[in-house]
Protein backbone atom coordinates (compact mmCIF):
# COMPACT_ATOMS: atom_id res chain seq x y z
CA MET A 1 31.72 89.02 61.80
CA LEU A 2 31.98 89.23 57.97
CA SER A 3 33.92 86.32 56.26
CA PHE A 4 37.21 87.21 54.70
CA GLY A 5 35.66 87.12 51.30
CA ALA A 6 32.93 89.50 52.35
CA ARG A 7 35.39 91.87 53.94
CA LYS A 8 37.56 92.06 50.86
CA LYS A 9 34.53 92.67 48.48
CA SER A 10 33.16 95.28 50.93
CA ALA A 11 36.45 97.09 51.18
CA ALA A 12 36.87 97.05 47.42
CA ALA A 13 33.38 98.45 46.78
CA SER A 14 33.86 101.20 49.39
CA ARG A 15 37.25 102.15 47.98
CA ALA A 16 36.63 101.84 44.25
CA SER A 17 35.39 105.42 43.66
CA THR A 18 38.47 106.95 45.21
CA CYS A 19 41.17 104.35 44.74
CA ALA A 20 40.69 102.83 41.40
CA SER A 21 43.77 102.89 39.21
CA LYS A 22 43.84 104.40 35.73
CA SER A 23 43.16 100.93 34.41
CA GLY A 24 39.89 100.76 36.30
CA ARG A 25 41.13 98.11 38.79
CA THR A 26 41.28 98.60 42.57
CA ASN A 27 43.52 97.11 45.19
CA GLY A 28 42.42 96.29 48.80
CA TRP A 29 43.96 95.08 52.02
CA ALA A 30 42.40 92.74 54.43
CA GLY A 31 44.04 92.66 57.93
CA SER A 32 43.07 90.97 61.15
CA GLY A 33 43.52 91.63 64.82
CA THR A 34 45.68 89.62 67.21
CA GLY A 35 44.45 86.19 68.00
CA THR A 36 41.82 85.85 65.34
CA PRO A 37 40.26 83.65 64.14
CA SER A 38 41.80 80.81 66.31
CA SER A 39 43.95 80.26 69.34
CA ASP A 40 46.34 78.26 67.14
CA ARG A 41 46.97 81.35 65.01
CA ARG A 42 50.80 81.47 65.56
CA SER A 43 51.56 77.97 64.33
CA ARG A 44 48.89 78.13 61.55
CA ILE A 45 50.16 81.38 60.02
CA ALA A 46 53.83 80.09 60.20
CA ARG A 47 52.87 76.82 58.54
CA LEU A 48 50.71 78.13 55.74
CA PHE A 49 51.85 81.74 54.92
CA CYS A 50 52.85 85.09 56.44
CA ALA A 51 50.55 86.89 54.03
CA TYR A 52 49.49 86.47 50.46
CA HIS A 53 47.85 88.35 47.49
CA SER A 54 45.36 87.21 44.91
CA ALA A 55 42.36 88.62 43.07
CA THR A 56 38.61 88.21 43.04
CA SER A 57 35.69 89.62 41.10
CA SER A 58 33.13 91.92 42.69
CA SER A 59 30.40 94.40 41.75
CA VAL A 60 33.14 97.01 41.01
CA GLY A 61 35.10 94.76 38.75
CA ASN A 62 38.33 92.76 39.38
CA VAL A 63 39.89 93.44 42.67
CA ALA A 64 43.47 92.68 43.65
CA PHE A 65 43.89 92.19 47.32
CA THR A 66 46.50 91.41 50.00
CA ASN A 67 45.56 89.33 53.00
CA LEU A 68 47.80 90.42 55.84
CA PRO A 69 47.10 88.51 59.05
CA TYR A 70 48.23 89.92 62.35
CA ILE A 71 51.93 89.20 61.58
CA THR A 72 53.27 89.65 65.07
CA ASP A 73 51.26 86.63 66.19
CA ALA A 74 53.65 84.45 64.20
CA GLY A 75 56.78 85.94 65.79
CA GLY A 76 60.20 85.01 64.22
CA ASN A 77 58.47 82.76 61.68
CA CYS A 78 57.15 85.80 59.81
CA GLY A 79 60.00 88.26 60.34
CA ALA A 80 60.04 89.38 63.93
CA ASP A 81 63.66 90.68 64.56
CA PHE A 82 64.84 89.40 61.24
CA ASN A 83 68.37 90.60 60.51
CA GLY A 84 68.17 92.33 64.01
CA LEU A 85 65.71 94.78 62.59
CA GLY A 86 63.33 94.76 65.61
CA PRO A 87 60.32 92.82 66.86
CA ASP A 88 57.91 94.54 64.30
CA ALA A 89 60.13 94.00 61.31
CA GLY A 90 57.90 91.37 59.83
CA ILE A 91 54.92 93.71 59.56
CA THR A 92 56.59 96.03 57.08
CA ILE A 93 58.91 93.42 55.44
CA VAL A 94 55.98 91.14 54.74
CA GLY A 95 53.46 93.89 54.05
CA GLY A 96 55.92 95.58 51.62
CA HIS A 97 56.59 92.29 49.91
CA GLU A 98 52.96 91.65 49.19
CA MET A 99 52.12 95.21 48.22
CA ALA A 100 54.95 95.13 45.61
CA GLU A 101 53.76 91.79 44.30
CA THR A 102 50.13 93.00 44.18
CA MET A 103 51.25 95.87 41.98
CA THR A 104 53.55 93.94 39.69
CA ASP A 105 51.53 90.68 39.46
CA GLN A 106 48.06 92.12 40.22
CA PHE A 107 46.10 89.05 39.09
CA PRO A 108 48.46 86.07 39.88
CA SER A 109 50.18 84.82 37.75
CA GLY A 110 49.34 87.24 35.03
CA GLY A 111 51.96 89.83 35.79
CA TRP A 112 55.69 89.90 36.35
CA VAL A 113 57.06 86.37 37.23
CA ASP A 114 60.35 84.78 36.32
CA SER A 115 60.86 81.59 34.40
CA SER A 116 60.38 79.49 37.44
CA GLY A 117 57.18 81.40 38.49
CA ALA A 118 58.78 83.50 41.27
CA GLU A 119 57.38 87.09 41.76
CA ASN A 120 59.74 90.04 42.31
CA GLY A 121 59.43 89.83 46.10
CA ASP A 122 59.87 86.09 46.29
CA LYS A 123 63.20 86.28 44.57
CA CYS A 124 64.52 88.58 47.31
CA ALA A 125 62.75 87.31 50.41
CA TRP A 126 64.65 86.67 53.65
CA ILE A 127 68.19 87.70 52.53
CA PRO A 128 70.39 87.71 55.47
CA THR A 129 72.77 90.57 56.60
CA GLY A 130 75.97 90.76 54.60
CA GLN A 131 74.62 89.68 51.22
CA GLN A 132 73.50 91.80 48.30
CA GLY A 133 69.84 92.89 48.78
CA ALA A 134 69.70 92.00 52.52
CA ALA A 135 66.63 93.25 54.29
CA ALA A 136 67.41 96.63 56.09
CA LYS A 137 65.82 99.70 57.62
CA ILE A 138 65.10 102.65 55.29
CA ILE A 139 64.33 106.19 56.61
CA LEU A 140 61.27 108.03 55.16
CA SER A 141 59.63 111.28 56.23
CA SER A 142 57.13 109.38 58.08
CA GLY A 143 59.53 107.10 60.03
CA THR A 144 62.05 104.26 59.83
CA PHE A 145 60.95 100.91 58.46
CA ALA A 146 62.36 97.49 57.88
CA VAL A 147 62.00 96.42 54.32
CA GLN A 148 63.21 93.57 52.06
CA SER A 149 64.65 94.26 48.61
CA LEU A 150 62.76 93.66 45.31
CA TRP A 151 64.18 92.23 42.12
CA SER A 152 65.36 94.69 39.46
CA ASN A 153 66.02 93.48 35.99
CA ALA A 154 68.13 96.67 35.40
CA PHE A 155 70.53 96.07 38.34
CA ASN A 156 73.99 94.78 37.83
CA THR A 157 74.24 96.06 34.16
CA GLY A 158 71.10 94.18 33.13
CA SER A 159 71.83 90.86 34.86
CA GLY A 160 69.29 91.64 37.56
CA GLY A 161 69.43 91.40 41.37
CA CYS A 162 67.80 92.35 44.61
CA VAL A 163 67.90 95.98 45.54
CA LEU A 164 66.58 98.30 48.15
CA SER A 165 66.80 101.29 45.82
CA TYR A 166 67.86 101.92 42.29
CA PRO A 167 68.76 105.26 40.58
């Protein structure tokens, strides 16, 4: 089995010709199956992270990537049934959070961060039902998905806030 570093570089190289952005950068995802690499995965994921994004260099240039472990192994610690959104809610909540941050802060912390260093997803993570920007389900043509809100500087007449959508 390839190491995580080798997997992300391999994925980036294989995708670079078709997925490079206009800036010449590419973005990759590294996921893992249930129970890998250790039997203590549930507690290890919950203690360290649910997912993260970063960047590395490769033969195709700088590569932004998201490491998305098998989120359901962590259960409620990483979003399962958050706000009553179902047992798989953490997959799309955490995945969407990291995808948004990988786009807005592609090479941490060289993109959008606030004065305390929080990225647009961090500012709006795990907002409970009943509050502005609470995680909720959205309906798309491909299905219904649990998502968290993201920070918008334009919301609330320029004061900013967490929103699921913005006109």
